[in-house]
Amino acid sequence: MRPPSEAPPPSADPEDRAHWEAVEEASELLHERRFRETLVELREVVQRDANNPYALYFMGIAFYESGQIEPSRDAYRACLRVAPRHLGARVALIHVLRALGDVRAAIEEGGLAMAQAPGDADVLYAVGMAHFARGDEVAARRFFHAFLAAGPEFESSEEVKALLEEMGDRPS
């Protein structure tokens, strides 16, 4: 996982705009890959407002990128408690749970993500990877083929094509 390539636009909702403005500096630090400083800034934001989904999501990224996988999981879960439809946090949580070896929970989160965004390439990739980690090649193939049909970025598509070939499948 990498930090988001561009900042999500704040909505016209005043509370959402305030949440975004509170994390602008931390977002810049995150893009600069200054994870320790990012976390310091985000902790201050969360102390002021524990319901800021941007802060919690960015904390998840910063923890993950600094090798702190369990705190990353906890930050993504906190984000989803305050913003249950935050797709980026849900997809990231799938990857983190898989990295922690909790494949069952990753697949459960994948079901929620699929219900929310069934054709989303990031969702299809994450769910496919969770099934692959579980050893369910039939399900992994299904999600990987759907992922490739969704027109993903080159790097991810090449990884999935290699996994399909490893499973004896010819990617479409």
N, C-alpha and C. Protein backbone atom coordinates (compact mmCIF):
# COMPACT_ATOMS: atom_id res chain seq x y z
N MET A 1 0.85 -1.18 0.00
CA MET A 1 0.00 0.00 0.00
C MET A 1 0.89 1.22 0.00
N ARG A 2 0.42 2.22 -0.69
CA ARG A 2 1.14 3.49 -0.75
C ARG A 2 0.23 4.61 -0.30
N PRO A 3 0.82 5.73 0.14
CA PRO A 3 -0.03 6.87 0.48
C PRO A 3 -0.85 7.28 -0.74
N PRO A 4 -2.03 7.82 -0.53
CA PRO A 4 -2.86 8.21 -1.66
C PRO A 4 -2.11 9.19 -2.55
N SER A 5 -2.33 9.05 -3.86
CA SER A 5 -1.59 9.90 -4.80
C SER A 5 -2.12 11.33 -4.80
N GLU A 6 -3.35 11.49 -4.46
CA GLU A 6 -3.86 12.86 -4.36
C GLU A 6 -4.89 12.92 -3.24
N ALA A 7 -5.05 14.08 -2.70
CA ALA A 7 -5.95 14.26 -1.57
C ALA A 7 -7.39 14.15 -2.03
N PRO A 8 -8.22 13.51 -1.21
CA PRO A 8 -9.64 13.47 -1.57
C PRO A 8 -10.22 14.87 -1.42
N PRO A 9 -11.08 15.24 -2.33
CA PRO A 9 -11.66 16.58 -2.20
C PRO A 9 -12.66 16.62 -1.04
N PRO A 10 -12.54 17.62 -0.20
CA PRO A 10 -13.53 17.73 0.88
C PRO A 10 -14.89 18.08 0.26
N SER A 11 -15.92 17.59 0.88
CA SER A 11 -17.25 17.86 0.37
C SER A 11 -17.70 19.26 0.81
N ALA A 12 -18.86 19.62 0.36
CA ALA A 12 -19.41 20.92 0.74
C ALA A 12 -19.88 20.92 2.20
N ASP A 13 -19.97 19.74 2.78
CA ASP A 13 -20.40 19.62 4.17
C ASP A 13 -19.37 20.30 5.08
N PRO A 14 -19.81 21.25 5.92
CA PRO A 14 -18.86 21.98 6.78
C PRO A 14 -18.05 21.07 7.72
N GLU A 15 -18.67 20.03 8.25
CA GLU A 15 -17.95 19.13 9.15
C GLU A 15 -16.86 18.38 8.38
N ASP A 16 -17.18 17.90 7.18
CA ASP A 16 -16.21 17.20 6.36
C ASP A 16 -15.05 18.12 5.99
N ARG A 17 -15.38 19.34 5.63
CA ARG A 17 -14.35 20.33 5.27
C ARG A 17 -13.43 20.58 6.47
N ALA A 18 -14.01 20.70 7.66
CA ALA A 18 -13.20 20.91 8.87
C ALA A 18 -12.31 19.70 9.15
N HIS A 19 -12.86 18.51 8.95
CA HIS A 19 -12.05 17.30 9.14
C HIS A 19 -10.86 17.30 8.19
N TRP A 20 -11.12 17.66 6.92
CA TRP A 20 -10.03 17.66 5.95
C TRP A 20 -8.99 18.74 6.28
N GLU A 21 -9.45 19.93 6.61
CA GLU A 21 -8.51 21.02 6.91
C GLU A 21 -7.62 20.66 8.10
N ALA A 22 -8.15 19.89 9.04
CA ALA A 22 -7.38 19.51 10.22
C ALA A 22 -6.21 18.57 9.88
N VAL A 23 -6.29 17.88 8.73
CA VAL A 23 -5.24 16.91 8.39
C VAL A 23 -4.39 17.33 7.19
N GLU A 24 -4.59 18.53 6.69
CA GLU A 24 -3.84 18.94 5.49
C GLU A 24 -2.33 18.85 5.70
N GLU A 25 -1.84 19.36 6.81
CA GLU A 25 -0.39 19.32 7.06
C GLU A 25 0.09 17.87 7.18
N ALA A 26 -0.66 17.05 7.89
CA ALA A 26 -0.29 15.65 8.04
C ALA A 26 -0.29 14.94 6.69
N SER A 27 -1.22 15.29 5.83
CA SER A 27 -1.27 14.70 4.50
C SER A 27 0.00 15.01 3.71
N GLU A 28 0.46 16.24 3.82
CA GLU A 28 1.71 16.62 3.15
C GLU A 28 2.89 15.83 3.71
N LEU A 29 2.94 15.69 5.02
CA LEU A 29 4.02 14.90 5.63
C LEU A 29 3.97 13.45 5.17
N LEU A 30 2.78 12.92 5.05
CA LEU A 30 2.60 11.55 4.60
C LEU A 30 3.11 11.38 3.17
N HIS A 31 2.77 12.31 2.30
CA HIS A 31 3.25 12.26 0.92
C HIS A 31 4.77 12.37 0.84
N GLU A 32 5.35 13.05 1.79
CA GLU A 32 6.82 13.17 1.86
C GLU A 32 7.46 11.95 2.54
N ARG A 33 6.61 11.00 2.94
CA ARG A 33 7.06 9.76 3.59
C ARG A 33 7.75 10.03 4.93
N ARG A 34 7.31 11.06 5.62
CA ARG A 34 7.83 11.42 6.94
C ARG A 34 6.84 10.86 7.97
N PHE A 35 6.87 9.56 8.13
CA PHE A 35 5.83 8.86 8.87
C PHE A 35 5.79 9.19 10.35
N ARG A 36 6.94 9.30 10.98
CA ARG A 36 6.95 9.62 12.42
C ARG A 36 6.30 10.97 12.66
N GLU A 37 6.70 11.95 11.86
CA GLU A 37 6.11 13.30 12.00
C GLU A 37 4.62 13.29 11.65
N THR A 38 4.25 12.49 10.67
CA THR A 38 2.84 12.35 10.31
C THR A 38 2.04 11.86 11.51
N LEU A 39 2.57 10.83 12.17
CA LEU A 39 1.86 10.25 13.30
C LEU A 39 1.73 11.23 14.46
N VAL A 40 2.77 12.01 14.71
CA VAL A 40 2.71 13.01 15.77
C VAL A 40 1.59 14.01 15.45
N GLU A 41 1.57 14.49 14.24
CA GLU A 41 0.55 15.47 13.82
C GLU A 41 -0.86 14.86 13.90
N LEU A 42 -1.01 13.64 13.44
CA LEU A 42 -2.33 13.01 13.44
C LEU A 42 -2.82 12.69 14.85
N ARG A 43 -1.91 12.34 15.74
CA ARG A 43 -2.33 12.10 17.13
C ARG A 43 -2.91 13.37 17.74
N GLU A 44 -2.31 14.49 17.41
CA GLU A 44 -2.84 15.77 17.91
C GLU A 44 -4.23 16.03 17.33
N VAL A 45 -4.41 15.73 16.07
CA VAL A 45 -5.73 15.93 15.44
C VAL A 45 -6.76 15.04 16.12
N VAL A 46 -6.41 13.77 16.35
CA VAL A 46 -7.35 12.83 16.96
C VAL A 46 -7.65 13.20 18.40
N GLN A 47 -6.68 13.78 19.11
CA GLN A 47 -6.94 14.24 20.48
C GLN A 47 -8.00 15.34 20.48
N ARG A 48 -7.97 16.19 19.46
CA ARG A 48 -8.96 17.27 19.36
C ARG A 48 -10.31 16.76 18.86
N ASP A 49 -10.27 15.74 17.97
CA ASP A 49 -11.50 15.23 17.37
C ASP A 49 -11.30 13.76 17.03
N ALA A 50 -11.75 12.89 17.92
CA ALA A 50 -11.58 11.45 17.74
C ALA A 50 -12.43 10.90 16.60
N ASN A 51 -13.30 11.71 16.04
CA ASN A 51 -14.18 11.26 14.96
C ASN A 51 -13.77 11.78 13.60
N ASN A 52 -12.51 12.16 13.44
CA ASN A 52 -12.02 12.64 12.16
C ASN A 52 -11.58 11.44 11.31
N PRO A 53 -12.41 11.05 10.32
CA PRO A 53 -12.06 9.85 9.54
C PRO A 53 -10.78 10.01 8.72
N TYR A 54 -10.50 11.22 8.25
CA TYR A 54 -9.26 11.43 7.49
C TYR A 54 -8.04 11.16 8.37
N ALA A 55 -8.07 11.64 9.59
CA ALA A 55 -6.96 11.45 10.51
C ALA A 55 -6.76 9.97 10.80
N LEU A 56 -7.83 9.26 11.05
CA LEU A 56 -7.73 7.84 11.37
C LEU A 56 -7.24 7.04 10.17
N TYR A 57 -7.73 7.38 8.98
CA TYR A 57 -7.29 6.70 7.77
C TYR A 57 -5.80 6.95 7.51
N PHE A 58 -5.39 8.19 7.59
CA PHE A 58 -3.99 8.51 7.36
C PHE A 58 -3.09 7.89 8.42
N MET A 59 -3.60 7.76 9.66
CA MET A 59 -2.83 7.06 10.70
C MET A 59 -2.60 5.61 10.28
N GLY A 60 -3.64 5.00 9.73
CA GLY A 60 -3.50 3.62 9.26
C GLY A 60 -2.39 3.50 8.24
N ILE A 61 -2.35 4.43 7.30
CA ILE A 61 -1.31 4.41 6.27
C ILE A 61 0.07 4.61 6.90
N ALA A 62 0.19 5.62 7.75
CA ALA A 62 1.49 5.92 8.36
C ALA A 62 2.00 4.77 9.22
N PHE A 63 1.10 4.16 9.99
CA PHE A 63 1.51 3.01 10.79
C PHE A 63 1.98 1.87 9.88
N TYR A 64 1.20 1.58 8.84
CA TYR A 64 1.55 0.49 7.94
C TYR A 64 2.90 0.73 7.29
N GLU A 65 3.08 1.93 6.77
CA GLU A 65 4.32 2.25 6.07
C GLU A 65 5.54 2.27 7.00
N SER A 66 5.31 2.44 8.28
CA SER A 66 6.42 2.42 9.23
C SER A 66 6.57 1.04 9.90
N GLY A 67 5.86 0.05 9.35
CA GLY A 67 6.01 -1.32 9.82
C GLY A 67 5.21 -1.68 11.06
N GLN A 68 4.29 -0.83 11.47
CA GLN A 68 3.49 -1.07 12.66
C GLN A 68 2.11 -1.58 12.21
N ILE A 69 2.05 -2.87 11.92
CA ILE A 69 0.88 -3.44 11.27
C ILE A 69 -0.34 -3.49 12.20
N GLU A 70 -0.17 -3.91 13.44
CA GLU A 70 -1.32 -3.99 14.34
C GLU A 70 -1.92 -2.60 14.63
N PRO A 71 -1.10 -1.59 14.92
CA PRO A 71 -1.69 -0.25 15.08
C PRO A 71 -2.37 0.25 13.78
N SER A 72 -1.83 -0.16 12.63
CA SER A 72 -2.46 0.19 11.36
C SER A 72 -3.87 -0.41 11.30
N ARG A 73 -3.97 -1.68 11.64
CA ARG A 73 -5.29 -2.35 11.67
C ARG A 73 -6.25 -1.60 12.58
N ASP A 74 -5.77 -1.23 13.75
CA ASP A 74 -6.62 -0.55 14.72
C ASP A 74 -7.07 0.82 14.21
N ALA A 75 -6.19 1.52 13.52
CA ALA A 75 -6.55 2.84 12.98
C ALA A 75 -7.60 2.70 11.88
N TYR A 76 -7.44 1.71 11.01
CA TYR A 76 -8.44 1.50 9.95
C TYR A 76 -9.79 1.11 10.56
N ARG A 77 -9.76 0.27 11.57
CA ARG A 77 -11.02 -0.11 12.23
C ARG A 77 -11.68 1.11 12.88
N ALA A 78 -10.87 1.96 13.50
CA ALA A 78 -11.42 3.18 14.11
C ALA A 78 -12.03 4.08 13.03
N CYS A 79 -11.36 4.19 11.91
CA CYS A 79 -11.89 4.98 10.80
C CYS A 79 -13.25 4.44 10.37
N LEU A 80 -13.36 3.12 10.25
CA LEU A 80 -14.62 2.52 9.82
C LEU A 80 -15.72 2.65 10.87
N ARG A 81 -15.35 2.78 12.13
CA ARG A 81 -16.37 3.00 13.15
C ARG A 81 -17.01 4.38 12.98
N VAL A 82 -16.21 5.38 12.60
CA VAL A 82 -16.76 6.73 12.45
C VAL A 82 -17.24 7.00 11.03
N ALA A 83 -16.74 6.23 10.06
CA ALA A 83 -17.13 6.41 8.65
C ALA A 83 -17.26 5.03 8.01
N PRO A 84 -18.35 4.32 8.29
CA PRO A 84 -18.50 2.93 7.84
C PRO A 84 -18.42 2.73 6.32
N ARG A 85 -18.63 3.77 5.55
CA ARG A 85 -18.60 3.64 4.09
C ARG A 85 -17.26 4.10 3.49
N HIS A 86 -16.24 4.28 4.33
CA HIS A 86 -14.93 4.71 3.85
C HIS A 86 -14.27 3.52 3.14
N LEU A 87 -14.41 3.47 1.83
CA LEU A 87 -13.95 2.32 1.06
C LEU A 87 -12.42 2.15 1.13
N GLY A 88 -11.69 3.25 1.10
CA GLY A 88 -10.23 3.14 1.18
C GLY A 88 -9.78 2.48 2.46
N ALA A 89 -10.41 2.82 3.58
CA ALA A 89 -10.05 2.20 4.86
C ALA A 89 -10.43 0.72 4.86
N ARG A 90 -11.56 0.39 4.26
CA ARG A 90 -11.99 -1.02 4.24
C ARG A 90 -11.03 -1.85 3.39
N VAL A 91 -10.65 -1.34 2.23
CA VAL A 91 -9.72 -2.08 1.37
C VAL A 91 -8.36 -2.22 2.06
N ALA A 92 -7.88 -1.16 2.67
CA ALA A 92 -6.61 -1.23 3.38
C ALA A 92 -6.69 -2.24 4.52
N LEU A 93 -7.82 -2.27 5.22
CA LEU A 93 -7.99 -3.21 6.32
C LEU A 93 -7.92 -4.65 5.81
N ILE A 94 -8.47 -4.92 4.64
CA ILE A 94 -8.39 -6.26 4.07
C ILE A 94 -6.92 -6.66 3.91
N HIS A 95 -6.12 -5.77 3.35
CA HIS A 95 -4.70 -6.06 3.15
C HIS A 95 -3.97 -6.24 4.47
N VAL A 96 -4.27 -5.41 5.44
CA VAL A 96 -3.60 -5.48 6.74
C VAL A 96 -3.97 -6.78 7.46
N LEU A 97 -5.24 -7.13 7.44
CA LEU A 97 -5.65 -8.38 8.09
C LEU A 97 -4.97 -9.58 7.43
N ARG A 98 -4.88 -9.55 6.12
CA ARG A 98 -4.17 -10.62 5.40
C ARG A 98 -2.70 -10.68 5.82
N ALA A 99 -2.07 -9.50 5.92
CA ALA A 99 -0.67 -9.44 6.33
C ALA A 99 -0.47 -9.99 7.75
N LEU A 100 -1.47 -9.81 8.58
CA LEU A 100 -1.40 -10.32 9.95
C LEU A 100 -1.77 -11.81 10.05
N GLY A 101 -2.17 -12.39 8.93
CA GLY A 101 -2.54 -13.81 8.92
C GLY A 101 -3.98 -14.07 9.30
N ASP A 102 -4.77 -13.05 9.46
CA ASP A 102 -6.19 -13.21 9.80
C ASP A 102 -7.00 -13.19 8.50
N VAL A 103 -6.81 -14.24 7.72
CA VAL A 103 -7.42 -14.31 6.39
C VAL A 103 -8.94 -14.37 6.48
N ARG A 104 -9.46 -15.07 7.48
CA ARG A 104 -10.91 -15.15 7.65
C ARG A 104 -11.51 -13.76 7.80
N ALA A 105 -10.93 -12.94 8.66
CA ALA A 105 -11.43 -11.58 8.86
C ALA A 105 -11.24 -10.74 7.60
N ALA A 106 -10.15 -10.97 6.88
CA ALA A 106 -9.91 -10.23 5.63
C ALA A 106 -11.02 -10.54 4.63
N ILE A 107 -11.41 -11.79 4.54
CA ILE A 107 -12.47 -12.18 3.60
C ILE A 107 -13.81 -11.61 4.05
N GLU A 108 -14.05 -11.58 5.35
CA GLU A 108 -15.29 -10.96 5.86
C GLU A 108 -15.34 -9.48 5.48
N GLU A 109 -14.24 -8.78 5.68
CA GLU A 109 -14.19 -7.36 5.27
C GLU A 109 -14.36 -7.25 3.76
N GLY A 110 -13.81 -8.20 3.04
CA GLY A 110 -13.96 -8.22 1.59
C GLY A 110 -15.41 -8.33 1.18
N GLY A 111 -16.19 -9.10 1.90
CA GLY A 111 -17.62 -9.21 1.61
C GLY A 111 -18.32 -7.87 1.78
N LEU A 112 -17.95 -7.14 2.83
CA LEU A 112 -18.54 -5.81 3.05
C LEU A 112 -18.12 -4.84 1.94
N ALA A 113 -16.86 -4.93 1.54
CA ALA A 113 -16.37 -4.05 0.47
C ALA A 113 -17.06 -4.38 -0.85
N MET A 114 -17.24 -5.67 -1.13
CA MET A 114 -17.91 -6.07 -2.37
C MET A 114 -19.36 -5.59 -2.39
N ALA A 115 -20.03 -5.62 -1.25
CA ALA A 115 -21.41 -5.14 -1.18
C ALA A 115 -21.46 -3.64 -1.45
N GLN A 116 -20.44 -2.95 -1.03
CA GLN A 116 -20.39 -1.49 -1.19
C GLN A 116 -19.97 -1.09 -2.60
N ALA A 117 -19.00 -1.78 -3.17
CA ALA A 117 -18.44 -1.39 -4.48
C ALA A 117 -18.05 -2.64 -5.26
N PRO A 118 -19.01 -3.38 -5.79
CA PRO A 118 -18.74 -4.68 -6.40
C PRO A 118 -17.79 -4.67 -7.60
N GLY A 119 -17.72 -3.61 -8.35
CA GLY A 119 -16.85 -3.60 -9.53
C GLY A 119 -15.57 -2.83 -9.35
N ASP A 120 -15.29 -2.39 -8.14
CA ASP A 120 -14.10 -1.58 -7.88
C ASP A 120 -12.85 -2.44 -7.98
N ALA A 121 -11.90 -2.00 -8.78
CA ALA A 121 -10.68 -2.78 -8.99
C ALA A 121 -9.90 -3.00 -7.70
N ASP A 122 -9.80 -1.99 -6.85
CA ASP A 122 -9.07 -2.15 -5.59
C ASP A 122 -9.73 -3.19 -4.69
N VAL A 123 -11.05 -3.20 -4.67
CA VAL A 123 -11.79 -4.19 -3.88
C VAL A 123 -11.55 -5.58 -4.45
N LEU A 124 -11.68 -5.73 -5.75
CA LEU A 124 -11.50 -7.03 -6.39
C LEU A 124 -10.10 -7.58 -6.14
N TYR A 125 -9.11 -6.72 -6.23
CA TYR A 125 -7.72 -7.13 -5.98
C TYR A 125 -7.55 -7.59 -4.53
N ALA A 126 -8.01 -6.79 -3.59
CA ALA A 126 -7.85 -7.12 -2.17
C ALA A 126 -8.56 -8.43 -1.82
N VAL A 127 -9.76 -8.60 -2.32
CA VAL A 127 -10.52 -9.82 -2.03
C VAL A 127 -9.86 -11.03 -2.71
N GLY A 128 -9.40 -10.84 -3.93
CA GLY A 128 -8.68 -11.92 -4.61
C GLY A 128 -7.44 -12.34 -3.85
N MET A 129 -6.69 -11.35 -3.36
CA MET A 129 -5.47 -11.65 -2.60
C MET A 129 -5.80 -12.37 -1.29
N ALA A 130 -6.91 -12.01 -0.66
CA ALA A 130 -7.31 -12.68 0.58
C ALA A 130 -7.66 -14.15 0.30
N HIS A 131 -8.39 -14.39 -0.77
CA HIS A 131 -8.73 -15.78 -1.12
C HIS A 131 -7.48 -16.56 -1.52
N PHE A 132 -6.57 -15.92 -2.23
CA PHE A 132 -5.31 -16.56 -2.60
C PHE A 132 -4.53 -16.95 -1.34
N ALA A 133 -4.48 -16.04 -0.37
CA ALA A 133 -3.77 -16.31 0.89
C ALA A 133 -4.41 -17.47 1.64
N ARG A 134 -5.71 -17.61 1.51
CA ARG A 134 -6.42 -18.72 2.17
C ARG A 134 -6.19 -20.04 1.44
N GLY A 135 -5.73 -19.95 0.19
CA GLY A 135 -5.52 -21.16 -0.60
C GLY A 135 -6.72 -21.53 -1.44
N ASP A 136 -7.69 -20.66 -1.53
CA ASP A 136 -8.89 -20.89 -2.34
C ASP A 136 -8.65 -20.34 -3.75
N GLU A 137 -8.01 -21.18 -4.57
CA GLU A 137 -7.63 -20.72 -5.91
C GLU A 137 -8.84 -20.47 -6.81
N VAL A 138 -9.92 -21.20 -6.61
CA VAL A 138 -11.11 -21.00 -7.44
C VAL A 138 -11.66 -19.59 -7.22
N ALA A 139 -11.82 -19.20 -5.96
CA ALA A 139 -12.32 -17.85 -5.66
C ALA A 139 -11.29 -16.80 -6.07
N ALA A 140 -10.02 -17.06 -5.81
CA ALA A 140 -8.98 -16.10 -6.19
C ALA A 140 -9.02 -15.85 -7.69
N ARG A 141 -9.11 -16.90 -8.49
CA ARG A 141 -9.18 -16.74 -9.95
C ARG A 141 -10.36 -15.86 -10.35
N ARG A 142 -11.51 -16.14 -9.75
CA ARG A 142 -12.72 -15.38 -10.09
C ARG A 142 -12.51 -13.88 -9.82
N PHE A 143 -11.97 -13.56 -8.67
CA PHE A 143 -11.75 -12.15 -8.33
C PHE A 143 -10.63 -11.54 -9.16
N PHE A 144 -9.59 -12.32 -9.44
CA PHE A 144 -8.50 -11.80 -10.25
C PHE A 144 -8.94 -11.51 -11.68
N HIS A 145 -9.75 -12.39 -12.25
CA HIS A 145 -10.23 -12.13 -13.61
C HIS A 145 -11.15 -10.90 -13.64
N ALA A 146 -11.99 -10.76 -12.63
CA ALA A 146 -12.84 -9.56 -12.55
C ALA A 146 -11.98 -8.31 -12.37
N PHE A 147 -10.93 -8.43 -11.59
CA PHE A 147 -10.00 -7.32 -11.39
C PHE A 147 -9.38 -6.90 -12.72
N LEU A 148 -8.89 -7.85 -13.48
CA LEU A 148 -8.27 -7.53 -14.77
C LEU A 148 -9.28 -6.91 -15.73
N ALA A 149 -10.52 -7.36 -15.68
CA ALA A 149 -11.57 -6.81 -16.54
C ALA A 149 -11.92 -5.38 -16.15
N ALA A 150 -11.61 -4.99 -14.92
CA ALA A 150 -11.93 -3.64 -14.44
C ALA A 150 -10.92 -2.59 -14.92
N GLY A 151 -9.87 -3.02 -15.63
CA GLY A 151 -8.90 -2.07 -16.16
C GLY A 151 -7.99 -1.46 -15.12
N PRO A 152 -7.30 -2.28 -14.34
CA PRO A 152 -6.45 -1.75 -13.27
C PRO A 152 -5.16 -1.13 -13.80
N GLU A 153 -4.40 -0.54 -12.88
CA GLU A 153 -3.10 0.02 -13.25
C GLU A 153 -2.16 -1.12 -13.64
N PHE A 154 -1.17 -0.78 -14.44
CA PHE A 154 -0.26 -1.76 -15.05
C PHE A 154 0.43 -2.64 -14.03
N GLU A 155 1.04 -2.04 -13.01
CA GLU A 155 1.84 -2.79 -12.04
C GLU A 155 1.00 -3.87 -11.34
N SER A 156 -0.17 -3.50 -10.88
CA SER A 156 -1.04 -4.46 -10.19
C SER A 156 -1.52 -5.54 -11.14
N SER A 157 -1.84 -5.15 -12.38
CA SER A 157 -2.32 -6.16 -13.33
C SER A 157 -1.23 -7.18 -13.65
N GLU A 158 0.01 -6.72 -13.74
CA GLU A 158 1.11 -7.65 -14.01
C GLU A 158 1.29 -8.63 -12.85
N GLU A 159 1.14 -8.14 -11.62
CA GLU A 159 1.25 -9.01 -10.44
C GLU A 159 0.16 -10.08 -10.48
N VAL A 160 -1.06 -9.65 -10.78
CA VAL A 160 -2.18 -10.60 -10.82
C VAL A 160 -2.01 -11.60 -11.96
N LYS A 161 -1.55 -11.15 -13.10
CA LYS A 161 -1.31 -12.08 -14.22
C LYS A 161 -0.28 -13.13 -13.82
N ALA A 162 0.76 -12.72 -13.10
CA ALA A 162 1.77 -13.67 -12.64
C ALA A 162 1.18 -14.68 -11.66
N LEU A 163 0.32 -14.22 -10.78
CA LEU A 163 -0.34 -15.13 -9.83
C LEU A 163 -1.24 -16.12 -10.56
N LEU A 164 -1.98 -15.63 -11.55
CA LEU A 164 -2.84 -16.52 -12.33
C LEU A 164 -2.00 -17.58 -13.06
N GLU A 165 -0.89 -17.16 -13.62
CA GLU A 165 -0.02 -18.13 -14.29
C GLU A 165 0.54 -19.14 -13.31
N GLU A 166 0.88 -18.66 -12.10
CA GLU A 166 1.36 -19.57 -11.05
C GLU A 166 0.32 -20.61 -10.71
N MET A 167 -0.96 -20.24 -10.81
CA MET A 167 -2.05 -21.16 -10.54
C MET A 167 -2.41 -22.00 -11.77
N GLY A 168 -1.65 -21.84 -12.85
CA GLY A 168 -1.91 -22.61 -14.06
C GLY A 168 -3.01 -22.05 -14.92
N ASP A 169 -3.30 -20.78 -14.75
CA ASP A 169 -4.37 -20.12 -15.48
C ASP A 169 -3.75 -19.14 -16.48
N ARG A 170 -4.43 -18.93 -17.56
CA ARG A 170 -4.01 -17.92 -18.53
C ARG A 170 -4.87 -16.69 -18.31
N PRO A 171 -4.23 -15.59 -17.86
CA PRO A 171 -5.03 -14.38 -17.64
C PRO A 171 -5.62 -13.84 -18.93
N SER A 172 -6.77 -13.23 -18.78
CA SER A 172 -7.43 -12.66 -19.96
C SER A 172 -6.84 -11.32 -20.33
